[in-house]
Protein backbone atom coordinates (compact mmCIF):
# COMPACT_ATOMS: atom_id res chain seq x y z
CA UNK A 1 45.87 90.66 86.36
CA UNK A 2 46.64 94.30 87.10
CA UNK A 3 44.89 96.07 89.98
CA UNK A 4 45.33 99.74 90.87
CA UNK A 5 44.53 101.34 94.21
CA UNK A 6 44.59 105.13 94.33
CA UNK A 7 43.54 107.71 96.87
CA UNK A 8 44.75 110.41 99.27
CA UNK A 9 47.26 109.94 102.08
CA UNK A 10 46.24 107.72 105.02
CA UNK A 11 43.06 106.46 103.35
CA UNK A 12 44.14 102.85 103.81
CA UNK A 13 45.59 102.13 100.35
CA UNK A 14 48.82 100.56 101.57
CA UNK A 15 47.19 98.15 104.00
CA UNK A 16 44.64 97.05 101.42
CA UNK A 17 47.21 96.73 98.62
CA UNK A 18 49.68 94.68 100.65
CA UNK A 19 46.94 92.37 101.94
CA UNK A 20 45.48 91.81 98.49
CA UNK A 21 48.90 91.21 96.95
CA UNK A 22 49.48 88.35 99.39
CA UNK A 23 46.00 86.88 99.02
CA UNK A 24 46.04 86.86 95.21
CA UNK A 25 49.80 86.32 94.80
CA UNK A 26 50.42 89.58 92.97
CA UNK A 27 53.59 91.66 92.91
CA UNK A 28 53.19 94.82 95.00
CA UNK A 29 54.34 98.18 93.65
CA UNK A 30 54.14 101.14 96.02
CA UNK A 31 54.51 104.01 93.56
CA UNK A 32 54.62 106.54 96.38
CA UNK A 33 57.90 105.00 97.50
CA UNK A 34 59.56 106.18 94.29
CA UNK A 35 58.70 109.79 95.05
CA UNK A 36 59.60 109.36 98.70
CA UNK A 37 62.95 107.90 97.66
CA UNK A 38 63.67 110.85 95.38
CA UNK A 39 62.53 113.22 98.13
CA UNK A 40 64.77 111.56 100.70
CA UNK A 41 67.73 111.62 98.32
CA UNK A 42 67.15 115.36 97.91
CA UNK A 43 66.93 115.71 101.68
CA UNK A 44 70.17 113.79 102.20
CA UNK A 45 71.90 115.82 99.49
CA UNK A 46 70.94 119.08 101.16
CA UNK A 47 69.54 120.65 97.98
CA UNK A 48 66.35 122.72 97.77
CA UNK A 49 63.37 120.37 97.40
CA UNK A 50 61.65 123.00 95.23
CA UNK A 51 64.51 123.00 92.71
CA UNK A 52 62.99 120.96 89.88
CA UNK A 53 66.23 120.66 87.94
CA UNK A 54 68.03 119.16 90.94
CA UNK A 55 65.10 116.85 91.61
CA UNK A 56 65.11 115.69 87.99
CA UNK A 57 68.82 114.90 88.13
CA UNK A 58 68.26 112.76 91.22
CA UNK A 59 65.25 111.04 89.60
CA UNK A 60 67.35 110.22 86.54
CA UNK A 61 69.88 108.34 88.66
CA UNK A 62 67.35 106.55 90.89
CA UNK A 63 67.49 102.74 90.66
CA UNK A 64 65.48 99.96 92.30
CA UNK A 65 68.47 98.86 94.44
CA UNK A 66 68.90 102.44 95.68
CA UNK A 67 65.17 102.67 96.41
CA UNK A 68 65.38 99.50 98.49
CA UNK A 69 68.32 100.95 100.39
CA UNK A 70 66.53 104.24 101.07
CA UNK A 71 63.41 102.32 102.17
CA UNK A 72 65.33 101.21 105.26
CA UNK A 73 65.71 104.83 106.39
CA UNK A 74 63.00 105.82 108.91
CA UNK A 75 62.90 109.31 107.45
CA UNK A 76 61.34 107.92 104.26
CA UNK A 77 58.00 107.58 106.06
CA UNK A 78 58.02 110.55 108.43
CA UNK A 79 55.95 113.71 107.96
CA UNK A 80 58.76 115.58 106.20
CA UNK A 81 59.25 112.58 103.91
CA UNK A 82 55.59 112.77 102.93
CA UNK A 83 55.82 116.50 102.28
CA UNK A 84 58.94 116.11 100.13
CA UNK A 85 57.31 113.27 98.16
CA UNK A 86 54.25 115.41 97.48
CA UNK A 87 56.36 118.35 96.29
CA UNK A 88 58.47 116.15 94.02
CA UNK A 89 55.38 114.36 92.65
CA UNK A 90 53.98 117.71 91.49
CA UNK A 91 57.00 118.30 89.21
CA UNK A 92 56.07 117.44 85.62
CA UNK A 93 59.59 116.53 84.49
CA UNK A 94 60.17 114.25 87.49
CA UNK A 95 56.84 112.48 87.03
CA UNK A 96 57.61 111.91 83.34
CA UNK A 97 60.98 110.38 84.19
CA UNK A 98 59.58 108.03 86.83
CA UNK A 99 56.45 107.10 84.87
CA UNK A 100 58.24 104.71 82.53
CA UNK A 101 59.73 102.83 85.48
CA UNK A 102 56.24 102.32 86.87
CA UNK A 103 54.68 101.30 83.55
CA UNK A 104 57.46 98.84 82.73
CA UNK A 105 56.71 97.02 85.98
CA UNK A 106 53.23 96.09 84.70
CA UNK A 107 54.82 94.46 81.65
CA UNK A 108 57.27 92.42 83.72
CA UNK A 109 55.99 92.27 87.31
CA UNK A 110 58.31 90.66 89.86
CA UNK A 111 58.16 89.92 93.56
CA UNK A 112 60.52 91.61 96.03
CA UNK A 113 63.03 88.78 95.58
CA UNK A 114 63.10 89.30 91.83
CA UNK A 115 61.10 86.23 90.78
CA UNK A 116 58.44 86.75 88.06
CA UNK A 117 54.81 87.32 89.08
CA UNK A 118 51.63 86.73 87.09
CA UNK A 119 50.26 90.16 87.88
CA UNK A 120 50.68 93.28 89.96
CA UNK A 121 48.83 95.53 92.33
CA UNK A 122 49.68 99.22 92.34
CA UNK A 123 49.35 101.56 95.31
CA UNK A 124 49.47 105.24 94.47
CA UNK A 125 47.66 108.37 93.40
CA UNK A 126 47.46 108.18 89.62
CA UNK A 127 47.99 104.49 88.89
CA UNK A 128 44.48 104.00 87.52
CA UNK A 129 44.41 107.24 85.53
CA UNK A 130 48.00 107.52 84.22
CA UNK A 131 50.29 104.60 85.09
CA UNK A 132 47.93 101.72 84.20
CA UNK A 133 44.81 103.20 82.57
CA UNK A 134 43.97 99.75 81.16
CA UNK A 135 44.17 97.95 84.51
CA UNK A 136 41.72 95.10 85.02
CA UNK A 137 40.35 96.50 88.28
CA UNK A 138 40.67 100.03 89.67
CA UNK A 139 39.94 101.03 93.24
CA UNK A 140 39.87 104.54 94.66
CA UNK A 141 40.14 104.52 98.46
CA UNK A 142 39.21 107.66 100.35
CA UNK A 143 38.16 108.97 103.79
CA UNK A 144 37.53 112.36 105.36
CA UNK A 145 40.60 114.53 106.14
CA UNK A 146 39.82 114.30 109.87
CA UNK A 147 39.70 110.50 109.87
CA UNK A 148 42.88 110.24 107.84
CA UNK A 149 44.65 112.73 110.08
CA UNK A 150 43.63 110.74 113.16
CA UNK A 151 45.05 107.55 111.65
CA UNK A 152 48.32 109.22 110.68
CA UNK A 153 48.55 110.91 114.09
CA UNK A 154 48.24 107.55 115.87
CA UNK A 155 50.96 106.12 113.63
CA UNK A 156 53.30 108.97 114.51
CA UNK A 157 52.60 108.67 118.24
CA UNK A 158 53.25 104.92 118.10
CA UNK A 159 56.62 105.68 116.51
CA UNK A 160 57.46 108.24 119.19
CA UNK A 161 57.10 111.26 116.91
CA UNK A 162 56.37 114.48 118.80
CA UNK A 163 53.57 116.06 116.78
CA UNK A 164 50.05 117.33 117.46
CA UNK A 165 46.85 116.13 115.81
CA UNK A 166 46.22 119.70 114.61
CA UNK A 167 49.57 119.75 112.81
CA UNK A 168 48.89 116.39 111.18
CA UNK A 169 45.44 117.55 110.03
CA UNK A 170 46.94 120.71 108.57
CA UNK A 171 49.59 118.66 106.75
CA UNK A 172 46.92 116.31 105.36
CA UNK A 173 44.85 119.21 104.03
CA UNK A 174 47.89 120.92 102.48
CA UNK A 175 48.94 117.69 100.80
CA UNK A 176 45.41 117.07 99.53
CA UNK A 177 45.35 120.56 98.04
CA UNK A 178 48.74 120.10 96.37
CA UNK A 179 47.96 116.63 95.03
CA UNK A 180 44.52 117.59 93.72
CA UNK A 181 45.65 120.77 91.97
CA UNK A 182 48.98 119.80 90.44
CA UNK A 183 49.08 120.44 86.70
CA UNK A 184 50.36 116.94 85.91
CA UNK A 185 48.19 113.94 86.88
CA UNK A 186 46.07 115.54 89.62
CA UNK A 187 44.68 113.23 92.30
CA UNK A 188 41.26 112.01 91.21
CA UNK A 189 39.51 108.69 90.69
CA UNK A 190 39.55 107.10 87.25
CA UNK A 191 36.19 107.24 85.50
CA UNK A 192 35.84 103.47 85.83
CA UNK A 193 37.25 103.23 89.37
CA UNK A 194 35.34 101.59 92.21
CA UNK A 195 35.21 104.09 95.06
CA UNK A 196 35.43 102.84 98.64
CA UNK A 197 35.05 105.37 101.46
CA UNK A 198 36.80 104.01 104.55
CA UNK A 199 35.74 106.79 106.93
CA UNK A 200 33.36 104.46 108.77
CA UNK A 201 34.73 101.08 107.66
CA UNK A 202 37.32 98.85 109.30
CA UNK A 203 40.03 97.18 107.23
CA UNK A 204 38.19 93.84 107.41
CA UNK A 205 35.07 95.38 105.86
CA UNK A 206 37.05 97.13 103.12
CA UNK A 207 38.99 93.94 102.38
CA UNK A 208 35.76 91.93 102.14
CA UNK A 209 34.28 94.37 99.62
CA UNK A 210 37.47 94.41 97.54
CA UNK A 211 37.76 90.61 97.52
CA UNK A 212 34.15 90.22 96.39
CA UNK A 213 34.88 92.48 93.42
CA UNK A 214 38.13 90.71 92.52
CA UNK A 215 36.61 87.24 92.90
CA UNK A 216 33.70 88.24 90.66
CA UNK A 217 36.12 89.52 88.03
CA UNK A 218 38.18 86.32 88.07
CA UNK A 219 35.07 84.18 87.86
CA UNK A 220 33.75 86.05 84.83
CA UNK A 221 37.02 86.62 82.97
């Protein structure tokens, strides 16, 4: 079984995806981490993040072991890391290079320890439209920019990051604009995606709705 969960930043995709992967014993693939890893590698190399040729060269040498190593760096998940990931993800050549890596995972899904899995759950922005258009179930998780900014702001404060809510909101809106208007795979729900707006829902409510849909699919398949 392949499940995709797409949506804008801080909508709750990661929490839902990781919880569902454990409940249904599916391998978890955070596609955003690939772009964050490439962005962080660019950042560590000191090259211009807007230089597509340099970004492509780094993407061509990116491996899963290197991604796992970069995932330990706190900068992968900070605000700059998110900005770099968004910029890199808008580059057509970089997306094309990393797309095959993501699609191959659906053919041979594995858990974090490398053991085979019977299915996978994808967390990203175009997993239902581009990466796995034939996924069994597609979710699109969204929320208002203000709600998402508040969530991200609280995360930053908990981590000791000195940033204002206004700055976070501005960053969220800029990223939404970039992701929605990129020429390659713009952020949008798949035509057959199930849309869940989490603006006024807690994670327990969202999880309940998602599980009902997955359970119904398994029962009828």
